[in-house]
Amino acid sequence: MPLDVIVLVVVAGLFAIVSGMNDGGAILATGLKLPTVRPATGILTLVAMVALIPLATHQVALTFVNRLATFHDPGGRYAMTIAVICSLAVVLVLSAKGRPTSLTLAIVGGLTGAGLGWGLPVSAGSVALVLGFGLAAPVVGALVAWAVTLLLLRLANARSLPSWHRVAFIVQCVAYAANDGQKMLAVFIIAIGTTDLAPSTTTLTANVDLGTTALTTDLGLGTTALTAALFGLGALYGLPKAGRLLSREIIVSRPLHGVAAELATGSAVIASAAASMPVSMTQTVAGALIGAGMTQGGGRVRWYAAVKIVTAWLLTLPASALLAGITAWTAKAAIP
């Protein structure tokens, strides 16, 4: 196996763990005040969805692979490796400080910067479109959560709220696996040479021409299950940090707010997946929590915590793009 493949596979595994650290806590955080879904059950459910949903739909993964930059061109694996490492470096610094940021923003910035630095074709239109959806997601999540909260105040009560929570949590898990979670799959796609997945079979098969070598790779349940397991390990570690900030510090929340935020987040993220556009689950959850809290006035929102998160978002993409661009340009010049 070529060295660049081995390195990128290892990096892809690390990326899955950090995705769990960053995203897993955010997904579980909204329902922590309800005993309906225990953390262990929640993580197992999320892991199962991350393993299974990509076998049915994987269009968001293809957006990362094909629409931002052409990473199946010669040197694409090197550029992808640099993009992921630089994205992880930015996110790990923020995660260590207990500030959940958007790993999706980081990888979009990293892919764009590494593509430009390595001299690969980069689609400015696609990058702008992805960023547009990313910016809209937390706003849409907030608006939908505001409406859902008002609806639940009329329809839900103490006895029925756990049932609403179960449904909302499943919707949110499906949404993550169909959208944000597929950034992990995209790295494996480049690592093993898969760029065109076949949706009609249970095994995802592809042919790709990398330079002069034609590769045929099966990306089946084994690969998605491994990715999901690594993601689950990261989620176990990251829940206390990322989960605490979202569940306790953004708003003075009630259980109903968490359920409304889950329903709103799942709906917004699934809609983006239908358009093949990746959006950040962390961003959307944070926006949805603010929208739910705003139904009872802005005083319920802890704006200082929200500002810290938004500041992290604003730093994430340019920092990842700049770091990846400089690193890729330097590495290409150094590699004979």
Protein backbone atom coordinates (compact mmCIF):
# COMPACT_ATOMS: atom_id res chain seq x y z
CA MET A 1 0.00 0.00 0.00
CA PRO A 2 1.45 3.43 -0.94
CA LEU A 3 2.71 5.59 1.90
CA ASP A 4 0.34 8.45 1.08
CA VAL A 5 -2.62 6.08 1.39
CA ILE A 6 -1.43 4.74 4.76
CA VAL A 7 -0.86 8.23 6.13
CA LEU A 8 -4.25 9.50 4.97
CA VAL A 9 -6.07 6.46 6.39
CA VAL A 10 -4.44 7.09 9.79
CA VAL A 11 -5.34 10.78 9.55
CA ALA A 12 -8.90 9.84 8.57
CA GLY A 13 -9.20 7.73 11.72
CA LEU A 14 -7.93 10.57 13.88
CA PHE A 15 -10.35 12.91 12.14
CA ALA A 16 -13.25 10.61 13.04
CA ILE A 17 -12.22 10.63 16.72
CA VAL A 18 -11.98 14.42 16.83
CA SER A 19 -15.33 14.67 15.02
CA GLY A 20 -16.82 12.67 17.87
CA MET A 21 -15.16 14.90 20.46
CA ASN A 22 -16.44 18.05 18.80
CA ASP A 23 -19.81 16.99 17.38
CA GLY A 24 -20.95 14.16 19.64
CA GLY A 25 -21.22 16.33 22.73
CA ALA A 26 -23.14 18.97 20.81
CA ILE A 27 -25.67 16.45 19.52
CA LEU A 28 -26.27 14.89 22.94
CA ALA A 29 -26.15 18.16 24.88
CA THR A 30 -29.63 19.41 24.05
CA GLY A 31 -31.35 16.48 25.75
CA LEU A 32 -29.18 16.08 28.84
CA LYS A 33 -31.86 17.52 31.12
CA LEU A 34 -34.27 14.79 30.08
CA PRO A 35 -33.73 11.22 31.33
CA THR A 36 -35.47 9.79 28.25
CA VAL A 37 -32.25 9.13 26.31
CA ARG A 38 -29.31 8.19 28.50
CA PRO A 39 -25.86 9.31 27.28
CA ALA A 40 -24.76 5.72 26.64
CA THR A 41 -27.93 4.95 24.68
CA GLY A 42 -27.60 8.21 22.81
CA ILE A 43 -24.01 7.54 21.76
CA LEU A 44 -24.85 3.99 20.64
CA THR A 45 -27.79 5.26 18.59
CA LEU A 46 -25.67 7.96 17.01
CA VAL A 47 -22.88 5.49 16.20
CA ALA A 48 -25.39 3.15 14.54
CA MET A 49 -26.75 5.96 12.37
CA VAL A 50 -23.28 7.12 11.36
CA ALA A 51 -22.51 3.55 10.28
CA LEU A 52 -25.73 2.85 8.38
CA ILE A 53 -27.09 6.07 6.86
CA PRO A 54 -24.13 6.61 4.46
CA LEU A 55 -24.95 3.29 2.84
CA ALA A 56 -28.23 4.84 1.69
CA THR A 57 -27.26 8.46 1.05
CA HIS A 58 -23.82 9.96 0.60
CA GLN A 59 -24.28 13.07 -1.52
CA VAL A 60 -22.84 15.39 1.12
CA ALA A 61 -19.63 13.32 1.18
CA LEU A 62 -19.35 13.76 -2.58
CA THR A 63 -19.72 17.52 -2.18
CA PHE A 64 -16.63 17.55 0.03
CA VAL A 65 -14.73 15.36 -2.45
CA ASN A 66 -15.74 16.74 -5.84
CA ARG A 67 -17.24 20.21 -5.55
CA LEU A 68 -14.79 22.16 -3.38
CA ALA A 69 -11.58 21.04 -5.05
CA THR A 70 -10.49 18.14 -7.27
CA PHE A 71 -8.71 15.95 -4.74
CA HIS A 72 -8.53 12.89 -7.01
CA ASP A 73 -5.99 14.72 -9.19
CA PRO A 74 -2.30 13.82 -8.68
CA GLY A 75 -1.20 15.08 -5.29
CA GLY A 76 -4.78 15.09 -4.02
CA ARG A 77 -4.05 12.72 -1.14
CA TYR A 78 -1.20 14.90 0.06
CA ALA A 79 -3.41 17.99 -0.10
CA MET A 80 -6.27 16.19 1.69
CA THR A 81 -3.90 15.01 4.43
CA ILE A 82 -2.65 18.56 4.95
CA ALA A 83 -6.21 19.92 4.95
CA VAL A 84 -7.36 17.47 7.61
CA ILE A 85 -4.31 17.89 9.84
CA CYS A 86 -4.56 21.68 9.74
CA SER A 87 -8.30 21.55 10.43
CA LEU A 88 -7.75 19.24 13.38
CA ALA A 89 -5.05 21.51 14.77
CA VAL A 90 -7.40 24.49 14.79
CA VAL A 91 -10.33 22.56 16.28
CA LEU A 92 -8.25 20.78 18.92
CA VAL A 93 -6.98 24.08 20.25
CA LEU A 94 -10.53 25.36 20.63
CA SER A 95 -11.86 22.04 21.99
CA ALA A 96 -9.15 22.00 24.65
CA LYS A 97 -10.58 25.27 25.89
CA GLY A 98 -14.10 23.81 26.02
CA ARG A 99 -15.28 25.94 23.10
CA PRO A 100 -17.18 23.81 20.59
CA THR A 101 -16.54 25.12 17.12
CA SER A 102 -17.55 23.98 13.67
CA LEU A 103 -15.39 21.17 12.41
CA THR A 104 -17.29 21.51 9.15
CA LEU A 105 -16.13 25.11 8.80
CA ALA A 106 -12.61 23.97 9.65
CA ILE A 107 -12.53 21.25 7.00
CA VAL A 108 -14.10 23.51 4.36
CA GLY A 109 -11.41 26.09 5.09
CA GLY A 110 -8.72 23.41 5.19
CA LEU A 111 -9.78 21.84 1.89
CA THR A 112 -9.98 25.21 0.17
CA GLY A 113 -6.63 26.39 1.49
CA ALA A 114 -4.84 23.10 0.78
CA GLY A 115 -6.32 22.92 -2.70
CA LEU A 116 -5.13 26.43 -3.53
CA GLY A 117 -1.73 25.89 -1.91
CA TRP A 118 -1.15 22.65 -3.82
CA GLY A 119 -2.39 24.13 -7.09
CA LEU A 120 -5.49 21.92 -7.44
CA PRO A 121 -8.63 23.20 -9.18
CA VAL A 122 -10.81 24.92 -6.56
CA SER A 123 -14.40 25.96 -7.31
CA ALA A 124 -15.00 29.41 -5.86
CA GLY A 125 -18.72 29.11 -6.61
CA SER A 126 -19.07 25.83 -4.74
CA VAL A 127 -17.08 27.14 -1.78
CA ALA A 128 -19.30 30.23 -1.64
CA LEU A 129 -22.44 28.08 -1.87
CA VAL A 130 -21.30 25.81 0.96
CA LEU A 131 -20.44 28.80 3.12
CA GLY A 132 -23.82 30.35 2.35
CA PHE A 133 -25.62 27.25 3.58
CA GLY A 134 -23.31 27.13 6.59
CA LEU A 135 -24.11 30.71 7.57
CA ALA A 136 -27.83 30.18 7.04
CA ALA A 137 -28.05 26.96 9.09
CA PRO A 138 -27.90 28.46 12.61
CA VAL A 139 -30.30 31.24 11.61
CA VAL A 140 -32.77 28.76 10.15
CA GLY A 141 -32.30 26.54 13.21
CA ALA A 142 -33.12 29.48 15.48
CA LEU A 143 -36.26 30.42 13.54
CA VAL A 144 -37.53 26.85 13.36
CA ALA A 145 -36.79 26.27 17.06
CA TRP A 146 -38.70 29.42 17.97
CA ALA A 147 -41.76 28.15 16.07
CA VAL A 148 -41.42 24.57 17.37
CA THR A 149 -41.12 25.77 20.96
CA LEU A 150 -44.37 27.72 20.67
CA LEU A 151 -46.02 24.64 19.13
CA LEU A 152 -44.78 22.32 21.88
CA LEU A 153 -46.03 24.70 24.56
CA ARG A 154 -49.51 23.97 23.21
CA LEU A 155 -49.18 20.28 22.37
CA ALA A 156 -46.74 18.79 24.88
CA ASN A 157 -47.02 18.19 28.61
CA ALA A 158 -44.93 16.50 31.27
CA ARG A 159 -46.20 13.05 30.26
CA SER A 160 -45.83 13.41 26.49
CA LEU A 161 -42.55 15.34 26.39
CA PRO A 162 -40.37 12.18 26.70
CA SER A 163 -42.05 10.76 23.58
CA TRP A 164 -41.38 13.99 21.72
CA HIS A 165 -37.78 13.78 22.89
CA ARG A 166 -37.29 10.26 21.54
CA VAL A 167 -38.58 11.28 18.12
CA ALA A 168 -36.53 14.48 18.11
CA PHE A 169 -33.34 12.68 19.07
CA ILE A 170 -33.74 10.08 16.31
CA VAL A 171 -34.38 12.84 13.76
CA GLN A 172 -31.25 14.66 14.91
CA CYS A 173 -29.11 11.51 14.69
CA VAL A 174 -30.36 10.74 11.18
CA ALA A 175 -29.67 14.35 10.18
CA TYR A 176 -26.09 14.21 11.43
CA ALA A 177 -25.36 10.91 9.69
CA ALA A 178 -26.87 12.16 6.42
CA ASN A 179 -25.04 15.48 6.48
CA ASP A 180 -22.38 16.73 8.87
CA GLY A 181 -21.04 13.27 9.73
CA GLN A 182 -20.20 12.57 6.10
CA LYS A 183 -17.12 14.78 6.25
CA MET A 184 -15.47 11.77 7.92
CA LEU A 185 -16.49 9.54 5.02
CA ALA A 186 -15.10 12.06 2.52
CA VAL A 187 -11.58 11.69 3.91
CA PHE A 188 -11.76 7.90 3.59
CA ILE A 189 -13.08 8.29 0.03
CA ILE A 190 -9.92 10.13 -1.00
CA ALA A 191 -7.70 7.83 1.06
CA ILE A 192 -8.83 4.64 -0.67
CA GLY A 193 -9.55 6.12 -4.08
CA THR A 194 -13.34 6.21 -4.15
CA THR A 195 -15.02 9.21 -5.76
CA ASP A 196 -18.20 7.91 -7.33
CA LEU A 197 -20.39 5.88 -4.98
CA ALA A 198 -23.08 3.53 -6.22
CA PRO A 199 -26.35 4.13 -4.31
CA SER A 200 -28.15 1.10 -5.69
CA THR A 201 -26.06 -1.44 -3.78
CA THR A 202 -25.35 -2.10 -0.13
CA THR A 203 -21.64 -1.93 -0.91
CA LEU A 204 -20.42 1.42 -2.19
CA THR A 205 -18.23 0.74 -5.23
CA ALA A 206 -16.24 3.11 -7.37
CA ASN A 207 -13.65 3.43 -10.11
CA VAL A 208 -11.31 6.39 -10.11
CA ASP A 209 -8.35 7.28 -12.29
CA LEU A 210 -5.54 8.76 -10.18
CA GLY A 211 -2.84 9.76 -12.63
CA THR A 212 -1.98 6.58 -14.49
CA THR A 213 -3.34 4.12 -11.93
CA ALA A 214 -6.95 2.96 -11.98
CA LEU A 215 -8.21 1.99 -8.53
CA THR A 216 -11.35 0.03 -7.69
CA THR A 217 -12.41 0.19 -4.06
CA ASP A 218 -15.33 -1.20 -2.07
CA LEU A 219 -16.44 1.06 0.76
CA GLY A 220 -18.93 -1.04 2.66
CA LEU A 221 -20.29 -1.50 6.14
CA GLY A 222 -16.88 -2.42 7.53
CA THR A 223 -15.44 0.99 6.71
CA THR A 224 -18.48 2.96 7.85
CA ALA A 225 -18.68 0.89 11.05
CA LEU A 226 -15.01 1.56 11.82
CA THR A 227 -15.55 5.27 11.21
CA ALA A 228 -18.62 5.23 13.47
CA ALA A 229 -16.76 3.38 16.24
CA LEU A 230 -13.93 5.91 16.21
CA PHE A 231 -16.50 8.69 16.23
CA GLY A 232 -18.17 7.09 19.26
CA LEU A 233 -14.88 7.00 21.19
CA GLY A 234 -14.42 10.70 20.52
CA ALA A 235 -17.99 11.44 21.59
CA LEU A 236 -17.44 9.71 24.94
CA TYR A 237 -14.44 11.91 25.60
CA GLY A 238 -15.91 15.17 24.29
CA LEU A 239 -19.36 15.03 25.89
CA PRO A 240 -18.38 16.60 29.24
CA LYS A 241 -16.78 19.65 27.58
CA ALA A 242 -18.79 20.41 24.45
CA GLY A 243 -22.02 19.12 25.98
CA ARG A 244 -21.70 21.28 29.09
CA LEU A 245 -21.30 24.52 27.15
CA LEU A 246 -24.27 23.95 24.89
CA SER A 247 -26.62 22.41 27.44
CA ARG A 248 -25.96 24.77 30.37
CA GLU A 249 -24.23 27.94 29.29
CA ILE A 250 -25.99 29.20 26.15
CA ILE A 251 -29.47 29.44 27.67
CA VAL A 252 -31.17 28.88 30.99
CA SER A 253 -32.89 25.90 29.46
CA ARG A 254 -35.91 23.79 30.26
CA PRO A 255 -36.39 20.27 28.90
CA LEU A 256 -38.87 21.61 26.35
CA HIS A 257 -36.18 23.89 24.92
CA GLY A 258 -33.89 20.93 24.33
CA VAL A 259 -36.59 18.96 22.51
CA ALA A 260 -37.50 21.94 20.34
CA ALA A 261 -33.82 22.51 19.51
CA GLU A 262 -33.39 18.86 18.50
CA LEU A 263 -36.44 18.93 16.20
CA ALA A 264 -35.36 22.22 14.65
CA THR A 265 -31.75 21.13 14.18
CA GLY A 266 -32.72 17.82 12.62
CA SER A 267 -35.16 19.46 10.21
CA ALA A 268 -32.70 22.15 9.07
CA VAL A 269 -29.79 19.74 8.63
CA ILE A 270 -31.87 17.14 6.74
CA ALA A 271 -33.10 19.87 4.40
CA SER A 272 -29.49 20.84 3.69
CA ALA A 273 -28.58 17.20 3.09
CA ALA A 274 -31.36 17.01 0.49
CA ALA A 275 -29.56 19.83 -1.34
CA SER A 276 -26.21 17.98 -0.94
CA MET A 277 -24.90 20.89 1.12
CA PRO A 278 -22.84 20.21 4.27
CA VAL A 279 -23.73 22.28 7.33
CA SER A 280 -22.43 22.23 10.88
CA MET A 281 -24.51 20.42 13.46
CA THR A 282 -22.78 22.37 16.24
CA GLN A 283 -23.68 25.69 14.67
CA THR A 284 -27.26 24.65 14.04
CA VAL A 285 -27.74 23.29 17.57
CA ALA A 286 -26.42 26.51 19.08
CA GLY A 287 -28.71 28.61 16.89
CA ALA A 288 -31.69 26.40 17.72
CA LEU A 289 -31.06 26.69 21.47
CA ILE A 290 -30.97 30.48 21.18
CA GLY A 291 -34.18 30.46 19.14
CA ALA A 292 -35.90 28.26 21.71
CA GLY A 293 -34.76 30.50 24.55
CA MET A 294 -35.90 33.66 22.76
CA THR A 295 -39.53 32.57 22.99
CA GLN A 296 -39.40 33.69 26.62
CA GLY A 297 -37.33 36.80 26.02
CA GLY A 298 -33.71 37.55 25.33
CA GLY A 299 -32.87 37.51 29.02
CA ARG A 300 -32.96 33.70 29.02
CA VAL A 301 -30.03 33.62 26.57
CA ARG A 302 -26.54 33.89 28.03
CA TRP A 303 -25.16 36.12 25.33
CA TYR A 304 -21.57 36.07 26.59
CA ALA A 305 -21.41 32.31 25.93
CA ALA A 306 -23.03 32.76 22.52
CA VAL A 307 -20.48 35.44 21.63
CA LYS A 308 -17.61 33.12 22.59
CA ILE A 309 -18.95 30.41 20.29
CA VAL A 310 -19.54 32.80 17.39
CA THR A 311 -16.03 34.18 17.84
CA ALA A 312 -14.66 30.64 17.60
CA TRP A 313 -16.64 30.12 14.38
CA LEU A 314 -15.30 33.34 12.86
CA LEU A 315 -11.73 32.30 13.60
CA THR A 316 -12.07 28.69 12.49
CA LEU A 317 -12.42 28.93 8.71
CA PRO A 318 -9.81 31.60 7.93
CA ALA A 319 -7.33 30.06 10.37
CA SER A 320 -7.77 26.59 8.81
CA ALA A 321 -7.58 27.96 5.25
CA LEU A 322 -4.46 30.02 5.92
CA LEU A 323 -2.66 27.26 7.80
CA ALA A 324 -3.53 24.63 5.19
CA GLY A 325 -2.66 26.92 2.28
CA ILE A 326 0.78 27.80 3.61
CA THR A 327 1.50 24.19 4.61
CA ALA A 328 0.41 22.79 1.24
CA TRP A 329 2.42 25.35 -0.73
CA THR A 330 5.50 24.62 1.38
CA ALA A 331 5.07 20.85 1.16
CA LYS A 332 4.61 20.87 -2.61
CA ALA A 333 7.75 22.94 -3.04
CA ALA A 334 9.69 20.54 -0.80
CA ILE A 335 8.45 17.29 -2.38
CA PRO A 336 10.47 16.38 -5.51
